N, C-alpha and C. Protein backbone atom coordinates (compact mmCIF):
# COMPACT_ATOMS: atom_id res chain seq x y z
N MET A 1 174.16 -140.04 100.52
CA MET A 1 175.20 -140.13 99.71
C MET A 1 174.84 -140.85 98.51
N THR A 2 173.72 -141.26 98.23
CA THR A 2 173.54 -141.63 96.99
C THR A 2 173.35 -140.70 95.91
N GLU A 3 172.77 -139.52 96.56
CA GLU A 3 172.60 -138.29 95.65
C GLU A 3 173.93 -137.85 95.11
N VAL A 4 175.05 -138.00 95.96
CA VAL A 4 176.24 -137.49 95.54
C VAL A 4 176.68 -138.43 94.39
N GLU A 5 176.47 -139.80 94.51
CA GLU A 5 176.92 -140.65 93.56
C GLU A 5 176.19 -140.60 92.24
N ALA A 6 174.97 -140.22 92.45
CA ALA A 6 174.24 -139.80 91.26
C ALA A 6 174.72 -138.62 90.33
N VAL A 7 174.99 -137.69 91.18
CA VAL A 7 175.45 -136.40 90.36
C VAL A 7 177.00 -136.68 89.94
N SER A 8 177.82 -137.34 90.70
CA SER A 8 179.04 -137.86 90.09
C SER A 8 178.91 -138.68 88.88
N ALA A 9 178.03 -139.58 88.84
CA ALA A 9 177.81 -140.45 87.60
C ALA A 9 177.51 -139.54 86.48
N GLU A 10 176.45 -138.56 86.60
CA GLU A 10 176.07 -137.63 85.71
C GLU A 10 177.10 -137.09 85.27
N VAL A 11 177.89 -136.27 85.96
CA VAL A 11 179.04 -135.38 85.51
C VAL A 11 180.14 -136.36 84.67
N THR A 12 180.20 -137.52 85.27
CA THR A 12 181.25 -138.41 84.28
C THR A 12 180.60 -138.77 82.97
N ARG A 13 179.38 -138.72 83.12
CA ARG A 13 178.77 -139.05 81.54
C ARG A 13 178.87 -137.99 80.68
N TRP A 14 178.72 -136.79 81.30
CA TRP A 14 178.82 -135.33 80.45
C TRP A 14 180.11 -135.25 80.15
N LYS A 15 181.07 -135.57 81.05
CA LYS A 15 182.58 -135.42 80.62
C LYS A 15 182.86 -136.56 79.25
N LEU A 16 182.34 -137.78 79.52
CA LEU A 16 182.85 -138.76 78.38
C LEU A 16 182.19 -138.09 77.05
N MET A 17 180.81 -137.73 77.21
CA MET A 17 180.07 -137.23 75.97
C MET A 17 180.82 -136.05 75.51
N GLY A 18 181.33 -135.23 76.27
CA GLY A 18 182.27 -134.04 75.68
C GLY A 18 183.47 -134.51 75.05
N LEU A 19 183.99 -135.48 75.61
CA LEU A 19 185.30 -136.13 75.13
C LEU A 19 185.01 -136.79 73.57
N GLY A 20 183.98 -137.34 73.56
CA GLY A 20 183.67 -138.00 72.29
C GLY A 20 183.41 -137.03 71.29
N ALA A 21 182.78 -135.87 71.43
CA ALA A 21 182.48 -134.81 70.82
C ALA A 21 183.73 -134.18 70.10
N LEU A 22 184.58 -133.94 71.25
CA LEU A 22 186.04 -133.46 70.75
C LEU A 22 186.54 -134.39 69.91
N GLY A 23 186.43 -135.63 70.05
CA GLY A 23 187.01 -136.60 69.06
C GLY A 23 186.46 -136.60 67.80
N VAL A 24 185.09 -136.54 67.47
CA VAL A 24 184.42 -136.44 66.22
C VAL A 24 184.79 -134.98 65.55
N THR A 25 184.91 -134.12 66.42
CA THR A 25 185.44 -132.79 65.84
C THR A 25 186.74 -132.88 65.34
N GLY A 26 187.72 -133.51 65.86
CA GLY A 26 189.16 -133.48 65.65
C GLY A 26 189.28 -134.26 64.30
N MET A 27 188.42 -135.45 64.44
CA MET A 27 188.47 -136.30 63.06
C MET A 27 187.78 -135.49 61.89
N ALA A 28 186.82 -134.83 62.11
CA ALA A 28 186.24 -133.97 61.10
C ALA A 28 187.32 -132.81 60.50
N ALA A 29 187.95 -132.09 61.44
CA ALA A 29 189.13 -131.21 61.21
C ALA A 29 190.41 -131.80 60.53
N ALA A 30 190.58 -132.97 60.94
CA ALA A 30 191.75 -133.80 60.04
C ALA A 30 191.31 -134.16 58.73
N ALA A 31 190.07 -134.37 58.55
CA ALA A 31 189.62 -134.79 57.14
C ALA A 31 189.35 -133.47 56.19
N LEU A 32 188.90 -132.15 56.67
CA LEU A 32 189.01 -131.09 56.26
C LEU A 32 190.49 -130.63 55.72
N ALA A 33 191.29 -130.84 56.67
CA ALA A 33 192.72 -130.42 56.37
C ALA A 33 193.32 -131.09 55.30
N SER A 34 193.35 -132.53 55.33
CA SER A 34 193.65 -133.23 54.27
C SER A 34 192.88 -133.00 52.98
N LEU A 35 191.69 -132.57 52.88
CA LEU A 35 190.95 -132.26 51.65
C LEU A 35 191.64 -131.15 51.06
N SER A 36 191.75 -130.13 51.91
CA SER A 36 192.16 -128.77 51.48
C SER A 36 193.50 -128.80 50.89
N TYR A 37 194.51 -129.71 51.62
CA TYR A 37 195.85 -130.13 51.08
C TYR A 37 195.81 -130.62 49.69
N ALA A 38 195.00 -131.74 49.81
CA ALA A 38 194.96 -132.16 48.23
C ALA A 38 194.43 -131.48 47.20
N LEU A 39 193.60 -130.47 47.61
CA LEU A 39 192.94 -129.52 46.68
C LEU A 39 194.30 -128.55 46.06
N LEU A 40 194.87 -128.18 47.21
CA LEU A 40 195.92 -127.13 46.71
C LEU A 40 197.06 -127.84 45.94
N VAL A 41 197.47 -129.25 46.22
CA VAL A 41 198.55 -129.94 45.51
C VAL A 41 197.88 -130.15 44.17
N TYR A 42 196.50 -130.34 43.91
CA TYR A 42 196.03 -130.50 42.70
C TYR A 42 196.14 -129.28 41.66
N LEU A 43 195.76 -128.15 42.42
CA LEU A 43 195.69 -126.95 41.67
C LEU A 43 197.19 -126.45 41.34
N ALA A 44 198.08 -126.72 42.29
CA ALA A 44 199.41 -126.33 41.87
C ALA A 44 200.03 -127.17 40.66
N ARG A 45 199.75 -128.40 40.60
CA ARG A 45 200.16 -129.40 39.59
C ARG A 45 199.65 -128.82 38.22
N ALA A 46 198.27 -128.63 38.59
CA ALA A 46 197.52 -128.05 37.32
C ALA A 46 198.24 -126.90 36.64
N ALA A 47 198.41 -126.00 37.68
CA ALA A 47 199.07 -124.85 37.05
C ALA A 47 200.56 -124.82 36.52
N ARG A 48 201.25 -125.87 37.09
CA ARG A 48 202.44 -126.20 36.87
C ARG A 48 202.44 -126.78 35.25
N ARG A 49 201.38 -127.83 35.17
CA ARG A 49 201.48 -128.16 33.95
C ARG A 49 201.07 -127.18 32.81
N MET A 50 200.14 -126.31 33.00
CA MET A 50 199.61 -125.24 32.17
C MET A 50 200.84 -124.42 31.78
N THR A 51 201.67 -123.90 32.62
CA THR A 51 202.67 -123.12 32.43
C THR A 51 203.72 -123.91 31.70
N SER A 52 203.90 -125.12 32.00
CA SER A 52 205.08 -125.79 31.34
C SER A 52 204.64 -126.00 29.76
N ARG A 53 203.60 -126.21 29.56
CA ARG A 53 202.79 -126.56 28.09
C ARG A 53 203.06 -125.33 27.51
N ARG A 54 202.75 -124.01 28.21
CA ARG A 54 202.79 -122.60 27.46
C ARG A 54 204.23 -122.47 27.17
N HIS A 55 205.06 -122.76 27.87
CA HIS A 55 206.56 -122.47 27.76
C HIS A 55 207.10 -123.24 26.58
N SER A 56 206.77 -124.59 26.84
CA SER A 56 207.35 -125.50 25.82
C SER A 56 206.80 -125.20 24.36
N ARG A 57 205.49 -124.79 24.29
CA ARG A 57 204.84 -124.28 23.00
C ARG A 57 205.48 -123.00 22.46
N GLN A 58 205.81 -122.04 23.26
CA GLN A 58 206.51 -121.01 22.92
C GLN A 58 207.96 -121.05 22.41
N ALA A 59 208.52 -121.97 23.00
CA ALA A 59 209.84 -122.37 22.49
C ALA A 59 209.91 -123.06 21.18
N LEU A 60 208.91 -123.75 20.88
CA LEU A 60 208.74 -124.49 19.86
C LEU A 60 208.61 -123.43 18.51
N LYS A 61 207.55 -122.47 19.01
CA LYS A 61 207.30 -121.43 17.97
C LYS A 61 208.43 -120.61 17.64
N MET A 62 209.25 -120.34 18.60
CA MET A 62 210.47 -119.54 18.54
C MET A 62 211.54 -120.43 17.45
N ALA A 63 211.47 -121.62 17.63
CA ALA A 63 212.32 -122.56 16.87
C ALA A 63 211.63 -122.74 15.50
N GLY A 64 210.63 -122.53 15.23
CA GLY A 64 209.95 -122.53 13.91
C GLY A 64 209.30 -123.93 13.55
N ASP A 65 209.09 -124.72 14.88
CA ASP A 65 208.77 -126.02 14.49
C ASP A 65 207.19 -126.22 14.55
N VAL A 66 206.56 -124.89 15.01
CA VAL A 66 205.04 -125.11 15.38
C VAL A 66 204.42 -124.20 14.44
N ARG A 67 203.09 -124.51 13.71
CA ARG A 67 202.72 -123.46 12.79
C ARG A 67 201.92 -122.40 13.56
């Protein structure tokens, strides 16, 4: 009977280690997802700023206000 308890304890330990590994993997995935989202938002805002500057500069040129 003690052998069964030893095996059961070992399996329980493996299960806990596996759940811990899944937790760490989940946190890493969440960090990567938030980082990639922040990068996409940054790039979208940068592109929007570049295009709005270009359009406003073109509008000023058409109006004759820019050399």
